[in-house]
């Protein structure tokens, strides 16, 4: 059974942070990359490398919409959920940086913090798949 989730429930599911995926259109087509993220002041925040594929492709303009997706599957219980957040991405100003401890997925020098401002939030919960 598949059930649509309300935006508030979606935000509760992703509130603890963890690993998600960002999706955007790169120079050669669609790009989907894993990121460690946190929710800070109602926005999705993650770290990347200045000049990397996310820093270049996702931030072409302040109105570029990107996708952010998180899901959780419990195969033993045959249930799970998936949340999709869409919105514009922009760099986080140094005075707005989230609490320390957000490490980049791939490690290394990833000093650029990116914020996704949610404009559209959808989700689904599945039981007994």
C-alpha atoms as a PDB file:
ATOM      1  CA  UNK A   1       0.000   0.000   0.000  1.00  0.00           C
ATOM      2  CA  UNK A   2       1.323   3.418  -1.012  1.00  0.00           C
ATOM      3  CA  UNK A   3       0.327   6.558   0.900  1.00  0.00           C
ATOM      4  CA  UNK A   4       1.127  10.185   0.073  1.00  0.00           C
ATOM      5  CA  UNK A   5       2.753  12.176   2.877  1.00  0.00           C
ATOM      6  CA  UNK A   6       1.982  15.751   3.858  1.00  0.00           C
ATOM      7  CA  UNK A   7       4.901  18.239   3.608  1.00  0.00           C
ATOM      8  CA  UNK A   8       5.115  18.563   7.409  1.00  0.00           C
ATOM      9  CA  UNK A   9       5.463  14.771   7.799  1.00  0.00           C
ATOM     10  CA  UNK A  10       8.112  14.740   5.061  1.00  0.00           C
ATOM     11  CA  UNK A  11      10.155  17.371   6.912  1.00  0.00           C
ATOM     12  CA  UNK A  12       9.877  15.379  10.150  1.00  0.00           C
ATOM     13  CA  UNK A  13      11.251  12.280   8.392  1.00  0.00           C
ATOM     14  CA  UNK A  14      14.336  14.088   7.048  1.00  0.00           C
ATOM     15  CA  UNK A  15      14.874  16.366  10.079  1.00  0.00           C
ATOM     16  CA  UNK A  16      17.554  14.185  11.656  1.00  0.00           C
ATOM     17  CA  UNK A  17      19.919  14.637   8.703  1.00  0.00           C
ATOM     18  CA  UNK A  18      22.014  11.906   7.162  1.00  0.00           C
ATOM     19  CA  UNK A  19      22.658  10.912   3.559  1.00  0.00           C
ATOM     20  CA  UNK A  20      20.509  12.124   0.693  1.00  0.00           C
ATOM     21  CA  UNK A  21      20.916  12.746  -3.021  1.00  0.00           C
ATOM     22  CA  UNK A  22      20.919  15.995  -4.963  1.00  0.00           C
ATOM     23  CA  UNK A  23      19.728  16.010  -8.566  1.00  0.00           C
ATOM     24  CA  UNK A  24      20.271  18.756 -11.109  1.00  0.00           C
ATOM     25  CA  UNK A  25      20.966  19.286 -14.771  1.00  0.00           C
ATOM     26  CA  UNK A  26      24.698  19.344 -15.475  1.00  0.00           C
ATOM     27  CA  UNK A  27      26.490  20.306 -18.688  1.00  0.00           C
ATOM     28  CA  UNK A  28      25.994  16.830 -20.183  1.00  0.00           C
ATOM     29  CA  UNK A  29      22.583  15.975 -18.725  1.00  0.00           C
ATOM     30  CA  UNK A  30      21.022  14.845 -15.447  1.00  0.00           C
ATOM     31  CA  UNK A  31      23.340  14.453 -12.435  1.00  0.00           C
ATOM     32  CA  UNK A  32      22.491  12.725  -9.132  1.00  0.00           C
ATOM     33  CA  UNK A  33      25.054  12.755  -6.326  1.00  0.00           C
ATOM     34  CA  UNK A  34      25.042  11.590  -2.693  1.00  0.00           C
ATOM     35  CA  UNK A  35      25.525  14.216   0.027  1.00  0.00           C
ATOM     36  CA  UNK A  36      25.540  14.325   3.799  1.00  0.00           C
ATOM     37  CA  UNK A  37      22.972  16.906   4.823  1.00  0.00           C
ATOM     38  CA  UNK A  38      21.383  18.677   7.729  1.00  0.00           C
ATOM     39  CA  UNK A  39      18.193  20.673   8.066  1.00  0.00           C
ATOM     40  CA  UNK A  40      19.056  24.201   9.223  1.00  0.00           C
ATOM     41  CA  UNK A  41      16.453  26.943   9.664  1.00  0.00           C
ATOM     42  CA  UNK A  42      14.004  24.960   7.532  1.00  0.00           C
ATOM     43  CA  UNK A  43      16.438  24.520   4.627  1.00  0.00           C
ATOM     44  CA  UNK A  44      18.494  21.554   3.410  1.00  0.00           C
ATOM     45  CA  UNK A  45      22.222  22.286   3.826  1.00  0.00           C
ATOM     46  CA  UNK A  46      25.157  20.252   2.539  1.00  0.00           C
ATOM     47  CA  UNK A  47      28.845  20.784   1.734  1.00  0.00           C
ATOM     48  CA  UNK A  48      30.600  20.525  -1.588  1.00  0.00           C
ATOM     49  CA  UNK A  49      33.735  21.696  -3.400  1.00  0.00           C
ATOM     50  CA  UNK A  50      33.871  25.120  -4.988  1.00  0.00           C
ATOM     51  CA  UNK A  51      34.169  24.527  -8.724  1.00  0.00           C
ATOM     52  CA  UNK A  52      32.903  20.937  -8.466  1.00  0.00           C
ATOM     53  CA  UNK A  53      29.945  19.567 -10.393  1.00  0.00           C
ATOM     54  CA  UNK A  54      27.416  20.687  -7.772  1.00  0.00           C
ATOM     55  CA  UNK A  55      29.037  24.094  -7.289  1.00  0.00           C
ATOM     56  CA  UNK A  56      29.025  24.660 -11.043  1.00  0.00           C
ATOM     57  CA  UNK A  57      25.862  22.921 -12.273  1.00  0.00           C
ATOM     58  CA  UNK A  58      23.438  23.534  -9.438  1.00  0.00           C
ATOM     59  CA  UNK A  59      24.255  27.179  -8.890  1.00  0.00           C
ATOM     60  CA  UNK A  60      24.058  28.579 -12.408  1.00  0.00           C
ATOM     61  CA  UNK A  61      21.387  31.053 -11.317  1.00  0.00           C
ATOM     62  CA  UNK A  62      19.462  31.882  -8.180  1.00  0.00           C
ATOM     63  CA  UNK A  63      16.303  30.500  -9.797  1.00  0.00           C
ATOM     64  CA  UNK A  64      17.724  27.107 -10.788  1.00  0.00           C
ATOM     65  CA  UNK A  65      15.586  24.422  -9.203  1.00  0.00           C
ATOM     66  CA  UNK A  66      17.335  21.308  -7.957  1.00  0.00           C
ATOM     67  CA  UNK A  67      16.010  18.169  -6.371  1.00  0.00           C
ATOM     68  CA  UNK A  68      16.964  16.622  -3.050  1.00  0.00           C
ATOM     69  CA  UNK A  69      15.816  13.092  -2.213  1.00  0.00           C
ATOM     70  CA  UNK A  70      16.035  10.893   0.866  1.00  0.00           C
ATOM     71  CA  UNK A  71      14.556   7.472   1.333  1.00  0.00           C
ATOM     72  CA  UNK A  72      14.515   4.749   3.922  1.00  0.00           C
ATOM     73  CA  UNK A  73      13.734   1.101   3.215  1.00  0.00           C
ATOM     74  CA  UNK A  74      13.258  -1.555   5.866  1.00  0.00           C
ATOM     75  CA  UNK A  75      13.282  -4.779   3.833  1.00  0.00           C
ATOM     76  CA  UNK A  76      12.681  -7.008   6.857  1.00  0.00           C
ATOM     77  CA  UNK A  77       9.448  -5.174   7.709  1.00  0.00           C
ATOM     78  CA  UNK A  78       8.592  -4.584   4.041  1.00  0.00           C
ATOM     79  CA  UNK A  79       8.074  -0.871   4.459  1.00  0.00           C
ATOM     80  CA  UNK A  80       9.744   2.425   3.783  1.00  0.00           C
ATOM     81  CA  UNK A  81       9.388   6.037   2.761  1.00  0.00           C
ATOM     82  CA  UNK A  82      10.760   8.482   0.224  1.00  0.00           C
ATOM     83  CA  UNK A  83      10.843  12.294   0.369  1.00  0.00           C
ATOM     84  CA  UNK A  84      11.562  14.705  -2.490  1.00  0.00           C
ATOM     85  CA  UNK A  85      12.325  18.375  -1.844  1.00  0.00           C
ATOM     86  CA  UNK A  86      12.651  20.758  -4.769  1.00  0.00           C
ATOM     87  CA  UNK A  87      13.840  24.339  -4.622  1.00  0.00           C
ATOM     88  CA  UNK A  88      16.498  26.840  -5.601  1.00  0.00           C
ATOM     89  CA  UNK A  89      20.049  26.268  -4.381  1.00  0.00           C
ATOM     90  CA  UNK A  90      22.415  29.006  -3.262  1.00  0.00           C
ATOM     91  CA  UNK A  91      25.633  29.309  -1.258  1.00  0.00           C
ATOM     92  CA  UNK A  92      25.281  29.793   2.490  1.00  0.00           C
ATOM     93  CA  UNK A  93      26.780  33.052   3.733  1.00  0.00           C
ATOM     94  CA  UNK A  94      29.603  32.566   6.285  1.00  0.00           C
ATOM     95  CA  UNK A  95      27.557  34.214   9.056  1.00  0.00           C
ATOM     96  CA  UNK A  96      24.713  31.728   8.439  1.00  0.00           C
ATOM     97  CA  UNK A  97      26.752  28.516   8.593  1.00  0.00           C
ATOM     98  CA  UNK A  98      25.006  25.671  10.420  1.00  0.00           C
ATOM     99  CA  UNK A  99      26.240  24.009  13.540  1.00  0.00           C
ATOM    100  CA  UNK A 100      29.660  22.350  13.095  1.00  0.00           C
ATOM    101  CA  UNK A 101      29.781  18.640  12.395  1.00  0.00           C
ATOM    102  CA  UNK A 102      28.339  18.484   8.885  1.00  0.00           C
ATOM    103  CA  UNK A 103      30.948  16.451   7.053  1.00  0.00           C
ATOM    104  CA  UNK A 104      30.927  16.154   3.258  1.00  0.00           C
ATOM    105  CA  UNK A 105      29.998  12.793   1.740  1.00  0.00           C
ATOM    106  CA  UNK A 106      33.265  12.364  -0.136  1.00  0.00           C
ATOM    107  CA  UNK A 107      35.572  13.970   2.436  1.00  0.00           C
ATOM    108  CA  UNK A 108      38.379  16.297   1.462  1.00  0.00           C
ATOM    109  CA  UNK A 109      38.258  20.046   1.020  1.00  0.00           C
ATOM    110  CA  UNK A 110      34.563  20.774   0.678  1.00  0.00           C
ATOM    111  CA  UNK A 111      34.258  24.286   2.090  1.00  0.00           C
ATOM    112  CA  UNK A 112      31.264  25.437   0.069  1.00  0.00           C
ATOM    113  CA  UNK A 113      27.988  25.116   1.968  1.00  0.00           C
ATOM    114  CA  UNK A 114      24.891  24.948  -0.233  1.00  0.00           C
ATOM    115  CA  UNK A 115      21.333  25.683   0.904  1.00  0.00           C
ATOM    116  CA  UNK A 116      18.235  24.333  -0.834  1.00  0.00           C
ATOM    117  CA  UNK A 117      15.186  26.417   0.012  1.00  0.00           C
ATOM    118  CA  UNK A 118      12.158  24.085  -0.127  1.00  0.00           C
ATOM    119  CA  UNK A 119       9.528  25.208  -2.628  1.00  0.00           C
ATOM    120  CA  UNK A 120       7.857  21.854  -3.268  1.00  0.00           C
ATOM    121  CA  UNK A 121       7.862  18.908  -0.833  1.00  0.00           C
ATOM    122  CA  UNK A 122       6.366  15.515  -1.606  1.00  0.00           C
ATOM    123  CA  UNK A 123       6.702  12.089  -0.109  1.00  0.00           C
ATOM    124  CA  UNK A 124       5.350   8.566  -0.076  1.00  0.00           C
ATOM    125  CA  UNK A 125       5.206   5.833   2.524  1.00  0.00           C
ATOM    126  CA  UNK A 126       4.922   2.209   1.458  1.00  0.00           C
ATOM    127  CA  UNK A 127       3.708  -0.728   3.568  1.00  0.00           C
ATOM    128  CA  UNK A 128       3.802  -4.383   2.609  1.00  0.00           C
ATOM    129  CA  UNK A 129       5.575  -4.047  -0.731  1.00  0.00           C
END
